[in-house]
Amino acid sequence: MTNTHPHSAVAAGTNANANALRDIKPPIEIPSGWAWVGWVLLVLALAALAFWAWRYWQKRRAKAQIVPVVPPHIRAKQKLREALALIGQPREFCILVSDTIRWYLEERFEFHAPERTTEEFLYELQGTNLLSPDQKNSLGEFLNRCDMVKFAKYEPGPPELRELHESATRLVEETEPIMTTLQAVKTGEPA
């Protein structure tokens, strides 16, 4: 008698499938070493291009941010010229002229003039050698005259205001740094 067990037929069929011929597998592609070299070179080229673009952008940004520094005496002279437009308004004129001189002295000599009262500033100034005694006296008189207009409602005429303006301009010119020819070319000032 033959074994007619139902599971034995399935087992025989499975065994027959396992022994059957299989199709040929396609060849496996083995990457060549040159492909890797190509990819590495491509990545390096992209990195170099990105670095070059970043450097170019940084240089352009740095050029755009360079703002020429205007020396304090040139800025003060410009503000004093602008103040002449206010000569018909004594209070505004004196405020602009005295503030210009105070800011000039702070920038030029590192005084803290704008934050102090005239008396405090003049007291501190007496203890320094940055200005000559004549310049200190002239500055004290100038600031006191400006204070009279600003706080005591004194209204001088145009000739007196022009005299104040000339006094301020003279102080800036007397205390401005001596420039070399090269510095004058860079700032546009006559040497």
N, C-alpha and C. Protein backbone atom coordinates (compact mmCIF):
# COMPACT_ATOMS: atom_id res chain seq x y z
N MET A 1 0.79 -1.15 0.00
CA MET A 1 0.00 0.00 0.00
C MET A 1 0.84 1.24 0.00
N THR A 2 0.31 2.18 -0.69
CA THR A 2 1.05 3.45 -0.76
C THR A 2 0.55 4.40 0.28
N ASN A 3 1.40 5.21 0.60
CA ASN A 3 1.07 6.21 1.61
C ASN A 3 0.25 7.28 0.92
N THR A 4 -1.00 7.36 1.27
CA THR A 4 -1.89 8.34 0.65
C THR A 4 -2.25 9.44 1.64
N HIS A 5 -1.40 9.70 2.41
CA HIS A 5 -1.61 10.75 3.41
C HIS A 5 -1.63 12.10 2.70
N PRO A 6 -2.60 12.95 3.01
CA PRO A 6 -2.70 14.21 2.24
C PRO A 6 -1.48 15.10 2.40
N HIS A 7 -0.84 15.09 3.50
CA HIS A 7 0.31 15.98 3.73
C HIS A 7 1.53 15.50 2.98
N SER A 8 1.60 14.24 2.71
CA SER A 8 2.78 13.72 2.02
C SER A 8 2.81 14.19 0.59
N ALA A 9 1.67 14.41 -0.05
CA ALA A 9 1.65 14.91 -1.43
C ALA A 9 2.12 16.36 -1.47
N VAL A 10 1.73 17.15 -0.51
CA VAL A 10 2.14 18.56 -0.46
C VAL A 10 3.63 18.62 -0.23
N ALA A 11 4.11 17.72 0.65
CA ALA A 11 5.53 17.72 0.95
C ALA A 11 6.31 17.31 -0.28
N ALA A 12 5.81 16.36 -1.05
CA ALA A 12 6.51 15.92 -2.24
C ALA A 12 6.52 17.03 -3.28
N GLY A 13 5.42 17.80 -3.40
CA GLY A 13 5.34 18.90 -4.37
C GLY A 13 6.29 20.02 -4.01
N THR A 14 6.42 20.31 -2.76
CA THR A 14 7.31 21.37 -2.30
C THR A 14 8.73 20.96 -2.56
N ASN A 15 9.03 19.69 -2.33
CA ASN A 15 10.37 19.19 -2.55
C ASN A 15 10.69 19.24 -4.03
N ALA A 16 9.71 18.97 -4.87
CA ALA A 16 9.92 19.00 -6.32
C ALA A 16 10.18 20.42 -6.77
N ASN A 17 9.49 21.41 -6.21
CA ASN A 17 9.72 22.81 -6.56
C ASN A 17 11.11 23.24 -6.14
N ALA A 18 11.58 22.75 -5.03
CA ALA A 18 12.88 23.15 -4.54
C ALA A 18 13.97 22.60 -5.45
N ASN A 19 13.73 21.44 -6.05
CA ASN A 19 14.74 20.85 -6.92
C ASN A 19 14.64 21.36 -8.34
N ALA A 20 13.61 22.11 -8.64
CA ALA A 20 13.43 22.61 -10.00
C ALA A 20 14.50 23.64 -10.32
N LEU A 21 14.77 23.80 -11.57
CA LEU A 21 15.77 24.77 -12.01
C LEU A 21 15.23 26.18 -11.87
N ARG A 22 16.12 26.99 -11.46
CA ARG A 22 15.72 28.39 -11.32
C ARG A 22 16.32 29.17 -12.46
N ASP A 23 15.73 30.33 -12.69
CA ASP A 23 16.24 31.21 -13.75
C ASP A 23 17.60 31.76 -13.35
N ILE A 24 18.37 32.17 -14.31
CA ILE A 24 19.69 32.73 -14.04
C ILE A 24 19.49 34.15 -13.53
N LYS A 25 20.21 34.46 -12.46
CA LYS A 25 20.13 35.81 -11.90
C LYS A 25 20.98 36.73 -12.77
N PRO A 26 20.54 37.97 -12.88
CA PRO A 26 21.35 38.91 -13.68
C PRO A 26 22.68 39.18 -12.98
N PRO A 27 23.66 39.63 -13.72
CA PRO A 27 24.96 39.87 -13.09
C PRO A 27 24.88 41.02 -12.09
N ILE A 28 25.65 40.92 -11.04
CA ILE A 28 25.71 41.97 -10.02
C ILE A 28 26.73 43.00 -10.48
N GLU A 29 26.31 44.24 -10.46
CA GLU A 29 27.22 45.30 -10.91
C GLU A 29 28.15 45.68 -9.77
N ILE A 30 29.41 45.58 -10.02
CA ILE A 30 30.40 45.94 -9.01
C ILE A 30 30.88 47.35 -9.36
N PRO A 31 30.64 48.29 -8.43
CA PRO A 31 31.02 49.67 -8.76
C PRO A 31 32.53 49.78 -8.92
N SER A 32 32.90 50.61 -9.90
CA SER A 32 34.34 50.79 -10.10
C SER A 32 34.84 51.86 -9.15
N GLY A 33 36.09 51.89 -8.88
CA GLY A 33 36.68 52.89 -7.99
C GLY A 33 36.61 54.30 -8.59
N TRP A 34 36.53 54.38 -9.92
CA TRP A 34 36.48 55.69 -10.58
C TRP A 34 35.16 56.42 -10.31
N ALA A 35 34.10 55.69 -10.11
CA ALA A 35 32.82 56.34 -9.81
C ALA A 35 32.92 57.07 -8.47
N TRP A 36 33.55 56.44 -7.49
CA TRP A 36 33.71 57.10 -6.19
C TRP A 36 34.60 58.33 -6.31
N VAL A 37 35.62 58.23 -7.09
CA VAL A 37 36.52 59.38 -7.30
C VAL A 37 35.73 60.53 -7.93
N GLY A 38 34.90 60.20 -8.89
CA GLY A 38 34.08 61.23 -9.55
C GLY A 38 33.14 61.91 -8.57
N TRP A 39 32.48 61.13 -7.71
CA TRP A 39 31.57 61.72 -6.72
C TRP A 39 32.33 62.60 -5.72
N VAL A 40 33.48 62.16 -5.28
CA VAL A 40 34.28 62.95 -4.33
C VAL A 40 34.71 64.26 -4.97
N LEU A 41 35.16 64.19 -6.23
CA LEU A 41 35.56 65.42 -6.94
C LEU A 41 34.38 66.37 -7.11
N LEU A 42 33.21 65.83 -7.40
CA LEU A 42 32.03 66.67 -7.56
C LEU A 42 31.67 67.37 -6.25
N VAL A 43 31.72 66.64 -5.15
CA VAL A 43 31.42 67.22 -3.84
C VAL A 43 32.45 68.29 -3.49
N LEU A 44 33.73 68.02 -3.74
CA LEU A 44 34.77 69.01 -3.47
C LEU A 44 34.59 70.27 -4.33
N ALA A 45 34.23 70.08 -5.58
CA ALA A 45 34.02 71.23 -6.47
C ALA A 45 32.83 72.07 -5.98
N LEU A 46 31.76 71.42 -5.56
CA LEU A 46 30.61 72.16 -5.04
C LEU A 46 30.95 72.88 -3.74
N ALA A 47 31.75 72.24 -2.89
CA ALA A 47 32.17 72.89 -1.64
C ALA A 47 33.05 74.10 -1.94
N ALA A 48 33.98 73.96 -2.90
CA ALA A 48 34.84 75.09 -3.27
C ALA A 48 34.01 76.23 -3.86
N LEU A 49 33.05 75.90 -4.68
CA LEU A 49 32.18 76.93 -5.26
C LEU A 49 31.37 77.63 -4.18
N ALA A 50 30.85 76.88 -3.23
CA ALA A 50 30.09 77.48 -2.13
C ALA A 50 30.98 78.38 -1.29
N PHE A 51 32.21 77.94 -1.00
CA PHE A 51 33.16 78.76 -0.22
C PHE A 51 33.50 80.04 -0.97
N TRP A 52 33.77 79.94 -2.26
CA TRP A 52 34.09 81.12 -3.06
C TRP A 52 32.90 82.10 -3.06
N ALA A 53 31.70 81.60 -3.22
CA ALA A 53 30.51 82.47 -3.21
C ALA A 53 30.34 83.14 -1.85
N TRP A 54 30.57 82.41 -0.78
CA TRP A 54 30.46 82.99 0.57
C TRP A 54 31.49 84.10 0.76
N ARG A 55 32.74 83.85 0.36
CA ARG A 55 33.81 84.87 0.48
C ARG A 55 33.47 86.10 -0.34
N TYR A 56 33.00 85.92 -1.55
CA TYR A 56 32.62 87.02 -2.42
C TYR A 56 31.52 87.85 -1.77
N TRP A 57 30.53 87.19 -1.21
CA TRP A 57 29.42 87.88 -0.55
C TRP A 57 29.92 88.65 0.67
N GLN A 58 30.84 88.06 1.46
CA GLN A 58 31.39 88.72 2.64
C GLN A 58 32.17 89.97 2.24
N LYS A 59 32.97 89.90 1.19
CA LYS A 59 33.74 91.06 0.73
C LYS A 59 32.81 92.17 0.26
N ARG A 60 31.78 91.82 -0.46
CA ARG A 60 30.83 92.84 -0.94
C ARG A 60 30.11 93.49 0.23
N ARG A 61 29.75 92.69 1.20
CA ARG A 61 29.06 93.23 2.37
C ARG A 61 30.00 94.14 3.17
N ALA A 62 31.25 93.76 3.29
CA ALA A 62 32.23 94.57 4.02
C ALA A 62 32.45 95.90 3.29
N LYS A 63 32.50 95.88 1.97
CA LYS A 63 32.67 97.12 1.21
C LYS A 63 31.47 98.03 1.39
N ALA A 64 30.30 97.45 1.43
CA ALA A 64 29.09 98.25 1.59
C ALA A 64 29.01 98.88 2.97
N GLN A 65 29.60 98.24 3.98
CA GLN A 65 29.49 98.74 5.34
C GLN A 65 30.55 99.77 5.69
N ILE A 66 31.58 99.90 4.85
CA ILE A 66 32.63 100.86 5.15
C ILE A 66 32.10 102.27 4.94
N VAL A 67 32.00 102.99 6.02
CA VAL A 67 31.54 104.36 5.97
C VAL A 67 32.72 105.22 6.41
N PRO A 68 33.10 106.18 5.57
CA PRO A 68 34.25 106.99 5.97
C PRO A 68 33.94 107.77 7.24
N VAL A 69 34.92 107.79 8.11
CA VAL A 69 34.77 108.49 9.39
C VAL A 69 35.04 109.97 9.15
N VAL A 70 34.08 110.78 9.50
CA VAL A 70 34.23 112.23 9.37
C VAL A 70 34.84 112.74 10.67
N PRO A 71 36.01 113.39 10.58
CA PRO A 71 36.64 113.90 11.79
C PRO A 71 35.74 114.90 12.51
N PRO A 72 35.87 115.01 13.83
CA PRO A 72 35.00 115.90 14.61
C PRO A 72 35.06 117.36 14.16
N HIS A 73 36.23 117.86 13.80
CA HIS A 73 36.32 119.27 13.41
C HIS A 73 35.59 119.55 12.09
N ILE A 74 35.59 118.60 11.18
CA ILE A 74 34.86 118.79 9.92
C ILE A 74 33.36 118.75 10.18
N ARG A 75 32.92 117.80 11.00
CA ARG A 75 31.50 117.70 11.33
C ARG A 75 31.03 118.96 12.06
N ALA A 76 31.88 119.50 12.96
CA ALA A 76 31.53 120.72 13.71
C ALA A 76 31.42 121.91 12.76
N LYS A 77 32.33 122.02 11.82
CA LYS A 77 32.27 123.14 10.86
C LYS A 77 31.01 123.06 10.00
N GLN A 78 30.62 121.85 9.62
CA GLN A 78 29.40 121.67 8.83
C GLN A 78 28.17 122.11 9.64
N LYS A 79 28.12 121.69 10.90
CA LYS A 79 26.99 122.07 11.76
C LYS A 79 26.96 123.58 11.98
N LEU A 80 28.13 124.19 12.15
CA LEU A 80 28.18 125.64 12.35
C LEU A 80 27.70 126.38 11.09
N ARG A 81 28.03 125.86 9.91
CA ARG A 81 27.51 126.47 8.67
C ARG A 81 25.99 126.33 8.61
N GLU A 82 25.48 125.17 9.03
CA GLU A 82 24.02 124.96 9.04
C GLU A 82 23.34 125.91 10.02
N ALA A 83 24.03 126.25 11.10
CA ALA A 83 23.44 127.13 12.12
C ALA A 83 23.17 128.52 11.57
N LEU A 84 23.92 128.96 10.58
CA LEU A 84 23.72 130.30 10.01
C LEU A 84 22.31 130.45 9.43
N ALA A 85 21.68 129.38 9.03
CA ALA A 85 20.32 129.45 8.51
C ALA A 85 19.32 129.85 9.61
N LEU A 86 19.71 129.67 10.87
CA LEU A 86 18.83 129.99 12.00
C LEU A 86 19.17 131.34 12.64
N ILE A 87 19.93 132.18 11.98
CA ILE A 87 20.37 133.43 12.59
C ILE A 87 19.20 134.35 12.94
N GLY A 88 18.09 134.19 12.29
CA GLY A 88 16.89 134.99 12.59
C GLY A 88 16.14 134.48 13.81
N GLN A 89 16.53 133.34 14.36
CA GLN A 89 15.89 132.75 15.54
C GLN A 89 16.98 132.58 16.61
N PRO A 90 17.20 133.59 17.42
CA PRO A 90 18.33 133.59 18.36
C PRO A 90 18.41 132.37 19.27
N ARG A 91 17.29 131.94 19.83
CA ARG A 91 17.33 130.81 20.78
C ARG A 91 17.77 129.52 20.08
N GLU A 92 17.13 129.20 18.95
CA GLU A 92 17.45 127.99 18.21
C GLU A 92 18.90 128.04 17.70
N PHE A 93 19.32 129.24 17.25
CA PHE A 93 20.68 129.42 16.78
C PHE A 93 21.68 129.11 17.90
N CYS A 94 21.47 129.69 19.07
CA CYS A 94 22.40 129.49 20.19
C CYS A 94 22.40 128.06 20.69
N ILE A 95 21.25 127.41 20.68
CA ILE A 95 21.19 126.00 21.08
C ILE A 95 22.03 125.16 20.13
N LEU A 96 21.86 125.37 18.82
CA LEU A 96 22.60 124.58 17.84
C LEU A 96 24.11 124.86 17.91
N VAL A 97 24.49 126.12 18.03
CA VAL A 97 25.91 126.48 18.06
C VAL A 97 26.57 125.95 19.34
N SER A 98 25.94 126.13 20.49
CA SER A 98 26.57 125.66 21.74
C SER A 98 26.60 124.13 21.80
N ASP A 99 25.54 123.47 21.33
CA ASP A 99 25.54 122.00 21.30
C ASP A 99 26.63 121.48 20.35
N THR A 100 26.81 122.16 19.24
CA THR A 100 27.86 121.76 18.28
C THR A 100 29.23 121.84 18.94
N ILE A 101 29.50 122.92 19.65
CA ILE A 101 30.79 123.08 20.32
C ILE A 101 30.96 122.04 21.43
N ARG A 102 29.91 121.81 22.18
CA ARG A 102 29.99 120.81 23.26
C ARG A 102 30.28 119.41 22.69
N TRP A 103 29.57 119.02 21.62
CA TRP A 103 29.80 117.71 21.02
C TRP A 103 31.19 117.63 20.38
N TYR A 104 31.62 118.73 19.78
CA TYR A 104 32.96 118.76 19.20
C TYR A 104 34.02 118.52 20.28
N LEU A 105 33.90 119.22 21.39
CA LEU A 105 34.88 119.07 22.47
C LEU A 105 34.87 117.66 23.05
N GLU A 106 33.69 117.06 23.13
CA GLU A 106 33.62 115.68 23.63
C GLU A 106 34.31 114.72 22.67
N GLU A 107 34.04 114.86 21.38
CA GLU A 107 34.64 113.95 20.41
C GLU A 107 36.14 114.21 20.24
N ARG A 108 36.53 115.46 20.28
CA ARG A 108 37.93 115.81 20.03
C ARG A 108 38.81 115.54 21.26
N PHE A 109 38.33 115.90 22.45
CA PHE A 109 39.15 115.81 23.66
C PHE A 109 38.62 114.82 24.70
N GLU A 110 37.52 114.15 24.38
CA GLU A 110 36.89 113.18 25.29
C GLU A 110 36.40 113.83 26.59
N PHE A 111 35.96 115.08 26.48
CA PHE A 111 35.26 115.73 27.59
C PHE A 111 33.84 115.21 27.60
N HIS A 112 33.18 115.32 28.72
CA HIS A 112 31.77 114.95 28.79
C HIS A 112 30.95 116.22 28.84
N ALA A 113 31.13 117.06 27.85
CA ALA A 113 30.52 118.38 27.83
C ALA A 113 29.00 118.37 27.67
N PRO A 114 28.42 117.56 26.79
CA PRO A 114 26.97 117.64 26.59
C PRO A 114 26.15 117.27 27.82
N GLU A 115 26.71 116.46 28.72
CA GLU A 115 25.94 115.98 29.86
C GLU A 115 26.05 116.89 31.08
N ARG A 116 26.88 117.91 31.01
CA ARG A 116 27.13 118.75 32.18
C ARG A 116 26.57 120.15 31.98
N THR A 117 26.36 120.82 33.11
CA THR A 117 25.99 122.23 33.02
C THR A 117 27.24 123.00 32.61
N THR A 118 27.03 124.24 32.20
CA THR A 118 28.17 125.07 31.78
C THR A 118 29.17 125.22 32.92
N GLU A 119 28.68 125.45 34.14
CA GLU A 119 29.58 125.63 35.28
C GLU A 119 30.40 124.36 35.55
N GLU A 120 29.75 123.19 35.52
CA GLU A 120 30.47 121.93 35.75
C GLU A 120 31.52 121.71 34.66
N PHE A 121 31.13 121.98 33.45
CA PHE A 121 32.04 121.76 32.33
C PHE A 121 33.24 122.69 32.41
N LEU A 122 33.00 123.96 32.68
CA LEU A 122 34.10 124.93 32.76
C LEU A 122 35.02 124.61 33.94
N TYR A 123 34.46 124.15 35.05
CA TYR A 123 35.28 123.76 36.21
C TYR A 123 36.21 122.60 35.84
N GLU A 124 35.66 121.58 35.15
CA GLU A 124 36.48 120.44 34.73
C GLU A 124 37.55 120.88 33.72
N LEU A 125 37.17 121.79 32.85
CA LEU A 125 38.09 122.27 31.83
C LEU A 125 39.30 122.99 32.42
N GLN A 126 39.10 123.70 33.52
CA GLN A 126 40.20 124.45 34.15
C GLN A 126 41.32 123.52 34.62
N GLY A 127 41.00 122.29 34.94
CA GLY A 127 41.99 121.34 35.43
C GLY A 127 42.75 120.60 34.34
N THR A 128 42.53 120.97 33.06
CA THR A 128 43.20 120.27 31.97
C THR A 128 44.16 121.22 31.24
N ASN A 129 45.02 120.64 30.43
CA ASN A 129 45.94 121.41 29.59
C ASN A 129 45.57 121.29 28.11
N LEU A 130 44.35 120.86 27.84
CA LEU A 130 43.96 120.63 26.45
C LEU A 130 43.71 121.92 25.69
N LEU A 131 43.31 122.96 26.37
CA LEU A 131 43.09 124.26 25.74
C LEU A 131 44.01 125.29 26.40
N SER A 132 44.36 126.31 25.64
CA SER A 132 45.18 127.38 26.21
C SER A 132 44.31 128.22 27.15
N PRO A 133 44.92 129.01 28.04
CA PRO A 133 44.11 129.86 28.93
C PRO A 133 43.20 130.82 28.15
N ASP A 134 43.67 131.36 27.04
CA ASP A 134 42.82 132.25 26.23
C ASP A 134 41.63 131.49 25.65
N GLN A 135 41.88 130.27 25.19
CA GLN A 135 40.79 129.46 24.63
C GLN A 135 39.78 129.10 25.72
N LYS A 136 40.25 128.80 26.91
CA LYS A 136 39.34 128.49 28.02
C LYS A 136 38.48 129.69 28.36
N ASN A 137 39.07 130.89 28.43
CA ASN A 137 38.30 132.11 28.72
C ASN A 137 37.30 132.40 27.62
N SER A 138 37.74 132.27 26.36
CA SER A 138 36.86 132.51 25.23
C SER A 138 35.69 131.53 25.22
N LEU A 139 35.99 130.26 25.51
CA LEU A 139 34.94 129.24 25.57
C LEU A 139 33.96 129.53 26.70
N GLY A 140 34.47 129.90 27.86
CA GLY A 140 33.59 130.22 28.99
C GLY A 140 32.66 131.39 28.66
N GLU A 141 33.21 132.44 28.07
CA GLU A 141 32.40 133.59 27.67
C GLU A 141 31.36 133.18 26.63
N PHE A 142 31.79 132.39 25.66
CA PHE A 142 30.88 131.91 24.60
C PHE A 142 29.72 131.12 25.20
N LEU A 143 30.02 130.15 26.05
CA LEU A 143 28.95 129.32 26.64
C LEU A 143 28.02 130.13 27.54
N ASN A 144 28.56 131.08 28.29
CA ASN A 144 27.72 131.92 29.16
C ASN A 144 26.80 132.80 28.32
N ARG A 145 27.30 133.33 27.22
CA ARG A 145 26.45 134.16 26.35
C ARG A 145 25.34 133.32 25.71
N CYS A 146 25.69 132.11 25.32
CA CYS A 146 24.66 131.20 24.76
C CYS A 146 23.62 130.85 25.82
N ASP A 147 24.06 130.63 27.06
CA ASP A 147 23.12 130.32 28.14
C ASP A 147 22.17 131.48 28.40
N MET A 148 22.66 132.70 28.27
CA MET A 148 21.78 133.88 28.45
C MET A 148 20.64 133.85 27.45
N VAL A 149 20.95 133.47 26.22
CA VAL A 149 19.91 133.41 25.18
C VAL A 149 19.00 132.21 25.42
N LYS A 150 19.57 131.08 25.78
CA LYS A 150 18.78 129.86 25.93
C LYS A 150 17.88 129.89 27.16
N PHE A 151 18.39 130.43 28.28
CA PHE A 151 17.65 130.31 29.54
C PHE A 151 17.11 131.63 30.09
N ALA A 152 17.73 132.76 29.76
CA ALA A 152 17.29 134.05 30.32
C ALA A 152 16.46 134.85 29.33
N LYS A 153 16.15 134.27 28.20
CA LYS A 153 15.30 134.88 27.17
C LYS A 153 15.90 136.18 26.63
N TYR A 154 17.20 136.29 26.67
CA TYR A 154 17.89 137.43 26.06
C TYR A 154 17.88 137.23 24.55
N GLU A 155 17.56 138.27 23.78
CA GLU A 155 17.50 138.16 22.33
C GLU A 155 18.50 139.11 21.68
N PRO A 156 19.68 138.60 21.37
CA PRO A 156 20.67 139.45 20.71
C PRO A 156 20.33 139.64 19.23
N GLY A 157 20.90 140.67 18.65
CA GLY A 157 20.69 140.93 17.23
C GLY A 157 21.62 140.09 16.37
N PRO A 158 21.42 140.13 15.06
CA PRO A 158 22.27 139.36 14.14
C PRO A 158 23.77 139.65 14.27
N PRO A 159 24.21 140.91 14.51
CA PRO A 159 25.66 141.12 14.64
C PRO A 159 26.25 140.35 15.84
N GLU A 160 25.55 140.32 16.95
CA GLU A 160 26.04 139.60 18.13
C GLU A 160 26.01 138.09 17.90
N LEU A 161 25.01 137.61 17.18
CA LEU A 161 24.93 136.18 16.87
C LEU A 161 26.06 135.78 15.92
N ARG A 162 26.37 136.65 14.97
CA ARG A 162 27.49 136.37 14.06
C ARG A 162 28.81 136.34 14.84
N GLU A 163 28.92 137.19 15.83
CA GLU A 163 30.12 137.19 16.67
C GLU A 163 30.23 135.88 17.45
N LEU A 164 29.10 135.39 17.97
CA LEU A 164 29.10 134.08 18.65
C LEU A 164 29.52 132.98 17.67
N HIS A 165 28.99 133.04 16.47
CA HIS A 165 29.32 132.06 15.44
C HIS A 165 30.81 132.09 15.11
N GLU A 166 31.35 133.28 14.96
CA GLU A 166 32.78 133.42 14.67
C GLU A 166 33.63 132.89 15.82
N SER A 167 33.18 133.13 17.04
CA SER A 167 33.90 132.63 18.21
C SER A 167 33.93 131.10 18.21
N ALA A 168 32.80 130.49 17.90
CA ALA A 168 32.72 129.02 17.85
C ALA A 168 33.59 128.47 16.72
N THR A 169 33.52 129.08 15.56
CA THR A 169 34.32 128.64 14.42
C THR A 169 35.82 128.77 14.72
N ARG A 170 36.20 129.88 15.34
CA ARG A 170 37.61 130.11 15.69
C ARG A 170 38.10 129.03 16.67
N LEU A 171 37.28 128.67 17.65
CA LEU A 171 37.66 127.64 18.61
C LEU A 171 37.90 126.30 17.90
N VAL A 172 37.02 125.94 16.98
CA VAL A 172 37.18 124.69 16.24
C VAL A 172 38.46 124.74 15.41
N GLU A 173 38.68 125.83 14.72
CA GLU A 173 39.88 125.94 13.87
C GLU A 173 41.17 125.92 14.69
N GLU A 174 41.15 126.54 15.86
CA GLU A 174 42.35 126.57 16.70
C GLU A 174 42.67 125.22 17.33
N THR A 175 41.65 124.40 17.52
CA THR A 175 41.86 123.12 18.22
C THR A 175 41.83 121.91 17.30
N GLU A 176 41.57 122.12 16.02
CA GLU A 176 41.54 120.95 15.13
C GLU A 176 42.94 120.38 14.99
N PRO A 177 43.03 119.07 14.78
CA PRO A 177 44.35 118.45 14.66
C PRO A 177 45.05 118.91 13.38
N ILE A 178 46.36 118.94 13.44
CA ILE A 178 47.14 119.31 12.27
C ILE A 178 47.18 118.10 11.36
N MET A 179 46.81 118.32 10.11
CA MET A 179 46.71 117.21 9.16
C MET A 179 47.95 117.14 8.27
N THR A 180 48.31 115.91 7.96
CA THR A 180 49.35 115.71 6.96
C THR A 180 48.69 115.77 5.59
N THR A 181 49.48 115.85 4.54
CA THR A 181 48.94 115.93 3.19
C THR A 181 48.12 114.68 2.86
N LEU A 182 48.59 113.51 3.27
CA LEU A 182 47.87 112.27 2.99
C LEU A 182 46.51 112.26 3.70
N GLN A 183 46.47 112.71 4.95
CA GLN A 183 45.20 112.75 5.66
C GLN A 183 44.25 113.75 5.00
N ALA A 184 44.78 114.87 4.52
CA ALA A 184 43.95 115.88 3.88
C ALA A 184 43.32 115.34 2.61
N VAL A 185 44.07 114.55 1.86
CA VAL A 185 43.55 113.95 0.62
C VAL A 185 42.41 113.00 0.96
N LYS A 186 42.58 112.19 2.01
CA LYS A 186 41.55 111.22 2.39
C LYS A 186 40.27 111.90 2.85
N THR A 187 40.36 113.01 3.57
CA THR A 187 39.17 113.67 4.12
C THR A 187 38.63 114.76 3.23
N GLY A 188 39.42 115.19 2.22
CA GLY A 188 38.96 116.24 1.33
C GLY A 188 39.20 117.64 1.85
N GLU A 189 39.96 117.77 2.93
CA GLU A 189 40.28 119.06 3.52
C GLU A 189 41.56 119.62 2.90
N PRO A 190 41.71 120.93 2.83
CA PRO A 190 42.98 121.48 2.38
C PRO A 190 44.04 121.27 3.45
N ALA A 191 45.26 120.94 3.02
CA ALA A 191 46.35 120.68 3.97
C ALA A 191 46.95 121.96 4.50
